[in-house]
Amino acid sequence: MQIKYSQDHQYIIVEDGVGTVGITNHAQEKLSDVTTVELPHVAALVAKGGAVGVVESVKAASEIYSPVSGEILGVNESLSGKPELVNEDAEGAGWIYKIKLTSHLNSTCSWIGKLISLSYESRLDAPRIELRRFYAN
């Protein structure tokens, strides 16, 4: 099992060529109370960096970008009725979707690198890392 973090404050946990993707705990804290999660479509083919969904909160809406290319295998249907799971357990029960990677993780991702939680969190204060978001009108 590999876990990696993106500069867009997403994580992917990879096991046997399948990734579980969600937003980091830091991202959910910045968004505040999550009100809606727009999930990607199962069986959709997505390219690395492509928008696959949206997380909306009382403060902002943030697009979810695919960290890898692949096919969406499943989504966390629990988020449709209980989007606050993202706030309660962003890197656990609040995962957003599963994707079958089309190539090896290290060759398809633009990642900060192999990080443990502590080193990821130490980079959060770096000014070059910002949460991509747009404000709802």
Protein backbone atom coordinates (compact mmCIF):
# COMPACT_ATOMS: atom_id res chain seq x y z
CA MET A 1 0.00 0.00 0.00
CA GLN A 2 1.27 3.46 -0.95
CA ILE A 3 -0.15 6.79 0.17
CA LYS A 4 0.79 10.00 -1.59
CA TYR A 5 -0.30 13.61 -1.25
CA SER A 6 -0.75 16.18 -4.00
CA GLN A 7 -0.13 19.91 -3.93
CA ASP A 8 -3.89 20.27 -4.38
CA HIS A 9 -4.35 18.71 -0.92
CA GLN A 10 -5.63 15.37 -2.13
CA TYR A 11 -4.41 11.95 -1.18
CA ILE A 12 -4.35 8.64 -2.97
CA ILE A 13 -3.88 5.27 -1.32
CA VAL A 14 -2.84 2.65 -3.86
CA GLU A 15 -3.27 -1.10 -3.45
CA ASP A 16 -2.95 -3.56 -6.32
CA GLY A 17 -3.31 -0.89 -9.01
CA VAL A 18 -6.44 0.68 -7.51
CA GLY A 19 -6.33 4.09 -5.85
CA THR A 20 -8.65 5.48 -3.21
CA VAL A 21 -8.81 9.27 -3.57
CA GLY A 22 -10.02 12.00 -1.25
CA ILE A 23 -9.13 15.39 0.11
CA THR A 24 -6.73 15.76 3.01
CA ASN A 25 -7.66 16.69 6.54
CA HIS A 26 -6.00 20.08 5.93
CA ALA A 27 -8.23 20.70 2.90
CA GLN A 28 -11.44 19.90 4.77
CA GLU A 29 -10.37 22.22 7.59
CA LYS A 30 -9.84 25.07 5.09
CA LEU A 31 -13.19 24.40 3.41
CA SER A 32 -15.01 24.25 6.76
CA ASP A 33 -18.43 22.55 6.93
CA VAL A 34 -18.87 20.42 3.80
CA THR A 35 -22.44 20.59 2.49
CA THR A 36 -22.29 18.71 -0.83
CA VAL A 37 -19.92 16.37 -2.65
CA GLU A 38 -20.41 16.05 -6.41
CA LEU A 39 -19.09 12.56 -7.16
CA PRO A 40 -17.51 11.43 -10.42
CA HIS A 41 -19.33 9.04 -12.75
CA VAL A 42 -18.50 5.34 -12.35
CA ALA A 43 -16.78 3.86 -15.43
CA ALA A 44 -15.65 7.32 -16.60
CA LEU A 45 -12.15 7.47 -18.06
CA VAL A 46 -10.25 10.40 -16.59
CA ALA A 47 -6.92 12.02 -17.33
CA LYS A 48 -4.45 13.12 -14.68
CA GLY A 49 -5.31 16.68 -13.69
CA GLY A 50 -8.85 16.55 -15.05
CA ALA A 51 -11.75 17.79 -12.93
CA VAL A 52 -13.83 14.87 -11.66
CA GLY A 53 -16.09 16.44 -9.05
CA VAL A 54 -16.66 19.24 -6.57
CA VAL A 55 -16.64 19.57 -2.79
CA GLU A 56 -18.90 22.41 -1.63
CA SER A 57 -18.90 23.94 1.82
CA VAL A 58 -20.38 26.89 3.63
CA LYS A 59 -17.26 28.89 2.66
CA ALA A 60 -16.35 27.77 -0.86
CA ALA A 61 -16.54 25.17 -3.58
CA SER A 62 -13.40 23.29 -4.56
CA GLU A 63 -12.95 21.18 -7.67
CA ILE A 64 -11.58 17.69 -7.27
CA TYR A 65 -8.81 16.95 -9.78
CA SER A 66 -7.75 13.41 -10.59
CA PRO A 67 -4.18 12.83 -9.42
CA VAL A 68 -3.77 9.99 -11.92
CA SER A 69 -5.19 8.77 -15.21
CA GLY A 70 -7.53 5.82 -15.08
CA GLU A 71 -11.07 4.50 -14.87
CA ILE A 72 -13.42 5.40 -12.02
CA LEU A 73 -14.33 2.09 -10.38
CA GLY A 74 -16.57 3.33 -7.60
CA VAL A 75 -17.63 6.29 -5.51
CA ASN A 76 -18.41 6.77 -1.84
CA GLU A 77 -22.22 6.80 -2.03
CA SER A 78 -22.37 7.58 1.71
CA LEU A 79 -21.29 11.14 0.88
CA SER A 80 -24.53 11.76 -1.05
CA GLY A 81 -26.55 11.57 2.14
CA LYS A 82 -23.84 12.49 4.62
CA PRO A 83 -21.27 14.87 3.08
CA GLU A 84 -20.05 15.79 6.56
CA LEU A 85 -18.14 12.48 6.55
CA VAL A 86 -15.44 14.46 4.73
CA ASN A 87 -15.13 16.70 7.81
CA GLU A 88 -15.39 13.84 10.27
CA ASP A 89 -12.85 11.50 8.64
CA ALA A 90 -11.38 13.00 5.44
CA GLU A 91 -8.61 10.43 5.08
CA GLY A 92 -10.77 7.47 6.08
CA ALA A 93 -14.55 7.07 5.80
CA GLY A 94 -14.71 10.38 3.86
CA TRP A 95 -12.87 9.02 0.78
CA ILE A 96 -14.42 10.20 -2.49
CA TYR A 97 -13.71 7.70 -5.27
CA LYS A 98 -11.74 4.65 -6.36
CA ILE A 99 -9.79 4.62 -9.62
CA LYS A 100 -8.01 1.89 -11.56
CA LEU A 101 -4.65 3.34 -12.54
CA THR A 102 -3.74 3.09 -16.22
CA SER A 103 0.01 3.20 -15.52
CA HIS A 104 2.43 2.91 -12.64
CA LEU A 105 1.81 5.46 -9.87
CA ASN A 106 5.30 6.98 -9.91
CA SER A 107 5.15 7.69 -13.65
CA THR A 108 1.65 9.21 -13.71
CA CYS A 109 1.55 11.50 -10.67
CA SER A 110 2.88 14.94 -10.00
CA TRP A 111 3.33 14.45 -6.29
CA ILE A 112 5.16 16.17 -3.53
CA GLY A 113 6.84 12.76 -3.12
CA LYS A 114 6.73 9.90 -0.66
CA LEU A 115 5.66 11.69 2.45
CA ILE A 116 4.63 10.68 5.88
CA SER A 117 1.88 12.73 7.50
CA LEU A 118 4.33 14.77 9.55
CA SER A 119 6.36 15.94 6.55
CA TYR A 120 3.18 16.65 4.55
CA GLU A 121 1.85 18.77 7.38
CA SER A 122 5.16 20.61 7.69
CA ARG A 123 4.76 21.73 4.07
CA LEU A 124 1.28 23.15 4.57
CA ASP A 125 2.61 26.54 5.62
CA ALA A 126 4.66 26.87 2.43
CA PRO A 127 3.27 29.83 0.45
CA ARG A 128 3.43 28.01 -2.91
CA ILE A 129 0.84 25.43 -1.85
CA GLU A 130 -2.70 26.77 -2.03
CA LEU A 131 -6.08 25.07 -2.01
CA ARG A 132 -7.62 25.45 -5.46
CA ARG A 133 -11.10 26.82 -5.01
CA PHE A 134 -13.64 29.26 -6.28
CA TYR A 135 -16.26 31.05 -4.26
CA ALA A 136 -19.92 30.32 -4.82
CA ASN A 137 -21.99 33.26 -5.97
